[in-house]
Protein backbone atom coordinates (compact mmCIF):
# COMPACT_ATOMS: atom_id res chain seq x y z
CA MET A 1 0.00 0.00 0.00
CA THR A 2 1.38 3.40 -0.94
CA ILE A 3 1.10 6.40 1.36
CA GLN A 4 -1.58 7.87 -0.91
CA GLU A 5 -3.50 4.61 -0.87
CA ALA A 6 -3.28 4.63 2.92
CA GLN A 7 -4.61 8.20 3.04
CA ASN A 8 -7.46 7.19 0.73
CA THR A 9 -8.26 4.05 2.73
CA VAL A 10 -8.43 5.99 6.00
CA ASP A 11 -10.63 8.62 4.37
CA GLU A 12 -12.99 5.97 3.01
CA TRP A 13 -13.15 4.29 6.43
CA ILE A 14 -13.93 7.57 8.18
CA LYS A 15 -16.74 8.26 5.73
CA ALA A 16 -18.16 4.73 6.01
CA TYR A 17 -17.76 4.05 9.74
CA GLY A 18 -16.43 7.07 11.56
CA VAL A 19 -19.23 9.52 10.66
CA ARG A 20 -16.69 12.36 10.41
CA TYR A 21 -13.14 13.26 11.37
CA PHE A 22 -12.54 14.43 14.91
CA SER A 23 -11.39 18.04 14.99
CA GLU A 24 -7.74 18.72 14.23
CA LEU A 25 -7.16 19.63 17.87
CA THR A 26 -8.77 16.40 19.09
CA ASN A 27 -6.73 14.37 16.60
CA MET A 28 -3.55 16.11 17.75
CA ALA A 29 -4.39 15.07 21.31
CA VAL A 30 -5.14 11.51 20.13
CA LEU A 31 -1.83 11.45 18.21
CA THR A 32 0.01 12.52 21.36
CA GLU A 33 -1.76 9.80 23.32
CA GLU A 34 -0.86 7.16 20.73
CA VAL A 35 2.79 8.26 20.66
CA GLY A 36 2.78 7.93 24.44
CA GLU A 37 1.47 4.38 24.19
CA LEU A 38 4.21 3.57 21.67
CA ALA A 39 6.80 5.12 23.99
CA ARG A 40 5.51 2.97 26.85
CA VAL A 41 6.03 -0.22 24.86
CA ILE A 42 9.48 0.85 23.63
CA SER A 43 10.65 1.90 27.11
CA ARG A 44 9.73 -1.52 28.46
CA ARG A 45 10.90 -3.60 25.52
CA TYR A 46 14.20 -1.78 24.83
CA GLY A 47 14.73 0.48 27.83
CA GLU A 48 15.18 0.11 31.55
CA GLN A 49 11.48 0.11 32.49
CA SER A 50 9.91 -3.20 33.48
CA TRP A 51 6.46 -4.53 32.71
CA LYS A 52 3.84 -4.54 35.43
CA GLU A 53 2.80 -8.06 36.37
CA SER A 54 -0.77 -7.19 35.35
CA ASP A 55 0.22 -5.94 31.88
CA PRO A 56 -0.84 -8.52 29.26
CA ARG A 57 1.90 -7.25 26.92
CA LYS A 58 4.51 -8.66 29.29
CA ALA A 59 3.90 -12.16 27.90
CA ASP A 60 5.59 -11.43 24.55
CA ASN A 61 7.68 -8.46 25.78
CA GLY A 62 5.48 -6.09 23.82
CA LYS A 63 6.35 -7.62 20.45
CA ALA A 64 2.76 -7.61 19.16
CA ALA A 65 2.02 -4.24 20.76
CA LEU A 66 4.94 -2.52 19.05
CA GLY A 67 3.48 -2.82 15.56
CA GLU A 68 -0.03 -2.16 16.82
CA GLU A 69 0.99 1.11 18.46
CA MET A 70 3.01 2.20 15.42
CA ALA A 71 -0.04 1.56 13.23
CA ASP A 72 -2.23 3.58 15.61
CA VAL A 73 0.20 6.52 15.35
CA LEU A 74 0.18 6.24 11.56
CA TRP A 75 -3.64 6.08 11.47
CA VAL A 76 -4.05 9.35 13.35
CA LEU A 77 -1.29 11.01 11.33
CA LEU A 78 -3.09 9.98 8.14
CA CYS A 79 -6.32 11.43 9.54
CA LEU A 80 -4.60 14.75 10.27
CA ALA A 81 -3.07 14.82 6.80
CA ASN A 82 -6.42 14.15 5.17
CA GLN A 83 -8.36 16.73 7.11
CA THR A 84 -5.72 19.44 6.61
CA GLY A 85 -5.15 18.72 2.90
CA VAL A 86 -1.57 17.49 3.25
CA ASN A 87 -0.29 15.03 0.65
CA LEU A 88 2.07 12.92 2.73
CA THR A 89 3.70 11.34 -0.32
CA GLU A 90 4.82 14.75 -1.58
CA GLU A 91 5.83 15.95 1.89
CA LEU A 92 7.87 12.82 2.61
CA GLN A 93 9.66 13.19 -0.74
CA LYS A 94 10.48 16.82 0.12
CA SER A 95 11.70 15.78 3.56
CA ILE A 96 14.00 13.11 2.11
CA GLU A 97 15.43 15.60 -0.40
CA LYS A 98 15.98 18.19 2.36
CA LYS A 99 17.72 15.69 4.63
CA THR A 100 19.83 14.32 1.78
CA LYS A 101 21.05 17.78 0.85
CA ARG A 102 21.57 18.96 4.41
CA ASP A 103 23.08 15.77 5.81
CA ALA A 104 24.97 14.41 2.80
CA LYS A 105 28.21 14.13 4.79
CA ARG A 106 27.11 15.00 8.31
CA HIS A 107 26.36 11.48 9.54
CA LEU A 108 29.15 9.83 7.56
CA SER A 109 31.69 12.01 9.34
CA ASN A 110 30.13 11.66 12.80
CA PRO A 111 32.55 9.64 14.98
CA LYS A 112 29.71 8.83 17.37
CA LEU A 113 28.12 6.68 14.66
CA LYS A 114 31.18 4.56 13.93
């Protein structure tokens, strides 16, 4: 699925099942919440935090939850792009070009990355 196809799929789903988009402000809050949930899984799976005994994600060390939370973040980001008229394919291409130009040698010469 391309980014544009994903934007279209989310838009079709919202129209068929979601009634309408939440406001941009609400979706920003939801995005923040979803990023927090992703951070929680990452901090326990890869960081120093431990799982609570009652957390069902402990069983697989958050492996299933990691992809689920990433997809939730992407979903809300696609919603925000759709409702604000942003073409994420174009914007990602611009971002890659900007980073390539700006960082062409920066990371290659960074001793911290060797």
